[in-house]
Amino acid sequence: MNSPVDRSPRKAKGQGSERREEILAAALKLFTEFGVYSVSTRQIAEAVGVSQPTLYAYFPTKDDIGRELHSRAFEALAARLTSHIDQWVETPADFAAMLRTYIDFGLENPDLYRMAFMAEAPQVRLWTNHTHAIPTPALASTYGTLLRMITDLHRRGLVVETAPAVTAQAVWTAMHGLVALLISKPGFPWVDRDALIDGHLEMIGRGIWRTSIGHPSIA
């Protein structure tokens, strides 16, 4: 990494009951700016103002830091989705609102979103060769929520006849593409953000529902 790391003053021994959170915050900032593989534990320790042995007392390896950040990102997103699912009504408008929850989370938490969905972190290897199942609790609580919703709608004949897994993954990639581009290309001459998101969701809805996305209810 060519750019210097901002160093915090060295903390006294025994100080810092919140040091674990400080380490995670510093690592997330560095990972976002330089990439997971370009950052060392020494640089994270310097940013926090602790020695490497102190950092290792909390996280034995950089991979452990990455996994913790990755898990936290999915947990935060899952909490958002769960709060919406608790009041879920099977209508196009409410389905669009659930998708908007995902999009809003990514745009409001760009660093966490990058860590969960845009960084080539070690935990990505855990997903390799798992093509017929949801391999981790993190995916089960996020993508799995979307898949279960679409599977139920498919069973009731409310969405297109395409296999639910295909539909769910098409919807997920459509949402991710929008969020990733808005995060990574802020200088692009985007139209009004809300108008873009609403239009994006409307097109997704038109593609999967047997009725218009704007229809207030399903008969």
Protein backbone atom coordinates (compact mmCIF):
# COMPACT_ATOMS: atom_id res chain seq x y z
CA MET A 1 0.00 0.00 0.00
CA ASN A 2 1.63 3.20 -1.11
CA SER A 3 -0.37 5.75 0.88
CA PRO A 4 0.70 6.33 4.49
CA VAL A 5 -1.56 5.14 7.28
CA ASP A 6 -2.77 7.75 9.75
CA ARG A 7 -1.38 6.68 13.10
CA SER A 8 -3.31 7.12 16.33
CA PRO A 9 -1.33 7.93 19.49
CA ARG A 10 -0.08 4.75 21.17
CA LYS A 11 -2.55 3.73 23.90
CA ALA A 12 -1.38 2.90 27.39
CA LYS A 13 -1.30 -0.74 28.46
CA GLY A 14 -4.69 -1.85 29.76
CA GLN A 15 -6.55 1.12 28.28
CA GLY A 16 -9.36 0.73 25.83
CA SER A 17 -12.32 -1.46 26.74
CA GLU A 18 -13.65 -0.61 23.28
CA ARG A 19 -10.43 -1.52 21.53
CA ARG A 20 -12.03 -4.41 19.60
CA GLU A 21 -14.46 -1.93 18.04
CA GLU A 22 -11.61 0.47 17.31
CA ILE A 23 -9.73 -2.28 15.49
CA LEU A 24 -12.78 -3.20 13.43
CA ALA A 25 -13.50 0.43 12.56
CA ALA A 26 -9.89 1.07 11.49
CA ALA A 27 -9.77 -2.14 9.46
CA LEU A 28 -13.03 -1.35 7.69
CA LYS A 29 -11.75 2.10 6.75
CA LEU A 30 -8.45 0.71 5.43
CA PHE A 31 -10.08 -2.23 3.61
CA THR A 32 -12.50 0.15 1.92
CA GLU A 33 -9.77 2.57 0.84
CA PHE A 34 -7.05 0.14 -0.20
CA GLY A 35 -8.61 -3.32 -0.52
CA VAL A 36 -8.49 -6.28 1.84
CA TYR A 37 -5.36 -7.83 0.36
CA SER A 38 -3.37 -4.59 0.32
CA VAL A 39 -3.70 -3.95 4.05
CA SER A 40 -1.54 -5.60 6.71
CA THR A 41 -2.20 -6.19 10.39
CA ARG A 42 0.74 -3.88 11.12
CA GLN A 43 -1.02 -1.04 9.29
CA ILE A 44 -4.28 -1.73 11.13
CA ALA A 45 -2.43 -1.71 14.46
CA GLU A 46 -0.74 1.58 13.57
CA ALA A 47 -4.07 3.15 12.65
CA VAL A 48 -5.52 2.15 16.00
CA GLY A 49 -2.43 3.09 17.98
CA VAL A 50 -1.62 -0.36 19.38
CA SER A 51 1.13 -2.89 18.84
CA GLN A 52 0.66 -5.92 16.62
CA PRO A 53 0.75 -8.29 19.63
CA THR A 54 -2.10 -6.29 21.16
CA LEU A 55 -4.09 -6.53 17.95
CA TYR A 56 -3.46 -10.29 17.80
CA ALA A 57 -4.95 -10.64 21.28
CA TYR A 58 -8.27 -9.58 19.76
CA PHE A 59 -7.93 -10.97 16.24
CA PRO A 60 -5.25 -13.64 15.60
CA THR A 61 -5.24 -12.98 11.84
CA LYS A 62 -6.42 -10.45 9.30
CA ASP A 63 -8.85 -13.08 8.03
CA ASP A 64 -10.52 -13.06 11.44
CA ILE A 65 -11.06 -9.32 11.16
CA GLY A 66 -12.48 -9.73 7.67
CA ARG A 67 -14.86 -12.47 8.77
CA GLU A 68 -16.11 -10.40 11.68
CA LEU A 69 -16.79 -7.38 9.46
CA HIS A 70 -18.42 -9.61 6.87
CA SER A 71 -20.68 -11.19 9.49
CA ARG A 72 -21.66 -7.83 10.93
CA ALA A 73 -22.63 -6.52 7.53
CA PHE A 74 -24.92 -9.47 6.88
CA GLU A 75 -26.38 -9.28 10.39
CA ALA A 76 -27.22 -5.60 9.94
CA LEU A 77 -28.84 -6.26 6.56
CA ALA A 78 -30.72 -9.27 7.92
CA ALA A 79 -32.11 -7.15 10.76
CA ARG A 80 -33.42 -4.61 8.25
CA LEU A 81 -35.06 -7.31 6.13
CA THR A 82 -36.55 -9.07 9.15
CA SER A 83 -38.18 -5.88 10.35
CA HIS A 84 -39.89 -5.61 6.98
CA ILE A 85 -40.81 -9.29 6.72
CA ASP A 86 -42.62 -9.09 10.06
CA GLN A 87 -45.17 -6.82 8.36
CA TRP A 88 -45.02 -8.40 4.90
CA VAL A 89 -48.15 -8.25 2.75
CA GLU A 90 -48.02 -10.21 -0.49
CA THR A 91 -48.50 -7.33 -2.90
CA PRO A 92 -46.28 -5.90 -5.62
CA ALA A 93 -46.00 -2.60 -3.75
CA ASP A 94 -44.87 -4.27 -0.52
CA PHE A 95 -42.45 -6.49 -2.38
CA ALA A 96 -40.93 -3.38 -3.95
CA ALA A 97 -40.68 -1.85 -0.47
CA MET A 98 -38.71 -4.88 0.72
CA LEU A 99 -36.30 -4.51 -2.20
CA ARG A 100 -35.99 -0.83 -1.36
CA THR A 101 -34.95 -1.86 2.17
CA TYR A 102 -31.99 -3.73 0.67
CA ILE A 103 -31.02 -0.84 -1.58
CA ASP A 104 -31.31 1.74 1.20
CA PHE A 105 -29.12 -0.38 3.47
CA GLY A 106 -26.36 -0.51 0.87
CA LEU A 107 -26.44 3.21 0.16
CA GLU A 108 -26.61 4.17 3.83
CA ASN A 109 -23.78 1.79 4.78
CA PRO A 110 -21.46 1.78 1.76
CA ASP A 111 -18.37 0.53 3.62
CA LEU A 112 -20.21 -2.40 5.20
CA TYR A 113 -21.88 -3.15 1.87
CA ARG A 114 -18.54 -3.21 0.10
CA MET A 115 -17.22 -5.63 2.70
CA ALA A 116 -20.21 -7.96 2.38
CA PHE A 117 -20.80 -7.92 -1.36
CA MET A 118 -17.99 -6.16 -3.20
CA ALA A 119 -14.74 -7.20 -1.47
CA GLU A 120 -12.86 -10.34 -2.46
CA ALA A 121 -12.46 -11.41 1.14
CA PRO A 122 -11.37 -14.85 2.41
CA GLN A 123 -14.90 -15.93 3.30
CA VAL A 124 -15.87 -15.76 -0.37
CA ARG A 125 -14.03 -19.06 -0.80
CA LEU A 126 -16.59 -20.67 1.49
CA TRP A 127 -19.22 -20.15 -1.19
CA THR A 128 -17.28 -21.88 -3.96
CA ASN A 129 -18.92 -24.99 -5.41
CA HIS A 130 -22.15 -24.46 -3.45
CA THR A 131 -24.50 -24.16 -6.41
CA HIS A 132 -27.59 -25.95 -5.11
CA ALA A 133 -27.91 -24.73 -1.54
CA ILE A 134 -27.50 -21.66 0.61
CA PRO A 135 -24.16 -22.46 2.29
CA THR A 136 -23.92 -20.00 5.16
CA PRO A 137 -26.21 -18.53 7.84
CA ALA A 138 -25.37 -15.09 6.46
CA LEU A 139 -26.81 -15.92 3.06
CA ALA A 140 -29.72 -17.79 4.61
CA SER A 141 -30.76 -14.66 6.49
CA THR A 142 -30.45 -12.30 3.51
CA TYR A 143 -30.66 -13.90 0.07
CA GLY A 144 -32.52 -16.78 1.68
CA THR A 145 -35.24 -14.37 2.80
CA LEU A 146 -35.73 -13.20 -0.78
CA LEU A 147 -35.73 -16.77 -2.07
CA ARG A 148 -38.36 -17.88 0.44
CA MET A 149 -40.61 -14.95 -0.43
CA ILE A 150 -40.38 -15.61 -4.16
CA THR A 151 -40.85 -19.35 -3.67
CA ASP A 152 -44.08 -18.72 -1.78
CA LEU A 153 -45.31 -16.24 -4.39
CA HIS A 154 -44.44 -18.75 -7.12
CA ARG A 155 -46.38 -21.48 -5.33
CA ARG A 156 -49.43 -19.21 -5.23
CA GLY A 157 -49.14 -18.34 -8.91
CA LEU A 158 -48.50 -14.64 -8.30
CA VAL A 159 -45.20 -14.38 -10.16
CA VAL A 160 -43.75 -15.67 -13.41
CA GLU A 161 -43.34 -19.43 -13.92
CA THR A 162 -39.54 -19.21 -14.00
CA ALA A 163 -37.92 -21.37 -11.29
CA PRO A 164 -37.95 -19.45 -7.97
CA ALA A 165 -34.18 -19.71 -7.54
CA VAL A 166 -33.63 -18.19 -10.98
CA THR A 167 -36.09 -15.39 -10.27
CA ALA A 168 -34.59 -14.69 -6.84
CA GLN A 169 -31.05 -14.54 -8.16
CA ALA A 170 -32.08 -12.33 -11.07
CA VAL A 171 -33.75 -9.91 -8.65
CA TRP A 172 -30.77 -9.98 -6.28
CA THR A 173 -28.24 -9.30 -9.02
CA ALA A 174 -30.40 -6.46 -10.35
CA MET A 175 -30.49 -4.83 -6.90
CA HIS A 176 -26.80 -5.41 -6.28
CA GLY A 177 -25.85 -3.96 -9.64
CA LEU A 178 -27.66 -0.73 -8.88
CA VAL A 179 -26.22 -0.38 -5.38
CA ALA A 180 -22.69 -1.28 -6.46
CA LEU A 181 -22.70 1.25 -9.29
CA LEU A 182 -24.11 4.05 -7.15
CA ILE A 183 -21.44 3.37 -4.52
CA SER A 184 -18.48 2.87 -6.84
CA LYS A 185 -19.30 5.49 -9.51
CA PRO A 186 -20.42 8.61 -7.61
CA GLY A 187 -19.08 10.85 -10.36
CA PHE A 188 -21.33 9.42 -13.05
CA PRO A 189 -24.08 11.86 -14.14
CA TRP A 190 -26.88 9.92 -12.46
CA VAL A 191 -30.45 11.12 -12.70
CA ASP A 192 -32.31 11.90 -9.49
CA ARG A 193 -31.46 9.00 -7.17
CA ASP A 194 -34.98 8.34 -5.91
CA ALA A 195 -36.35 8.43 -9.45
CA LEU A 196 -33.67 5.98 -10.57
CA ILE A 197 -34.36 3.57 -7.70
CA ASP A 198 -38.13 3.76 -8.16
CA GLY A 199 -37.78 3.14 -11.89
CA HIS A 200 -35.40 0.24 -11.26
CA LEU A 201 -37.81 -1.40 -8.84
CA GLU A 202 -40.73 -0.86 -11.16
CA MET A 203 -38.90 -2.65 -13.97
CA ILE A 204 -38.01 -5.54 -11.65
CA GLY A 205 -41.64 -5.78 -10.62
CA ARG A 206 -42.93 -5.70 -14.17
CA GLY A 207 -40.55 -8.53 -14.96
CA ILE A 208 -41.70 -10.96 -12.28
CA TRP A 209 -45.25 -10.13 -11.21
CA ARG A 210 -48.35 -11.25 -13.07
CA THR A 211 -49.77 -7.79 -12.38
CA SER A 212 -48.39 -4.25 -12.44
CA ILE A 213 -45.90 -3.27 -9.72
CA GLY A 214 -48.00 -0.26 -9.00
CA HIS A 215 -51.17 -2.21 -8.28
CA PRO A 216 -52.08 -1.74 -4.60
CA SER A 217 -53.10 -5.33 -3.93
CA ILE A 218 -53.43 -8.83 -5.33
CA ALA A 219 -56.92 -10.18 -5.72
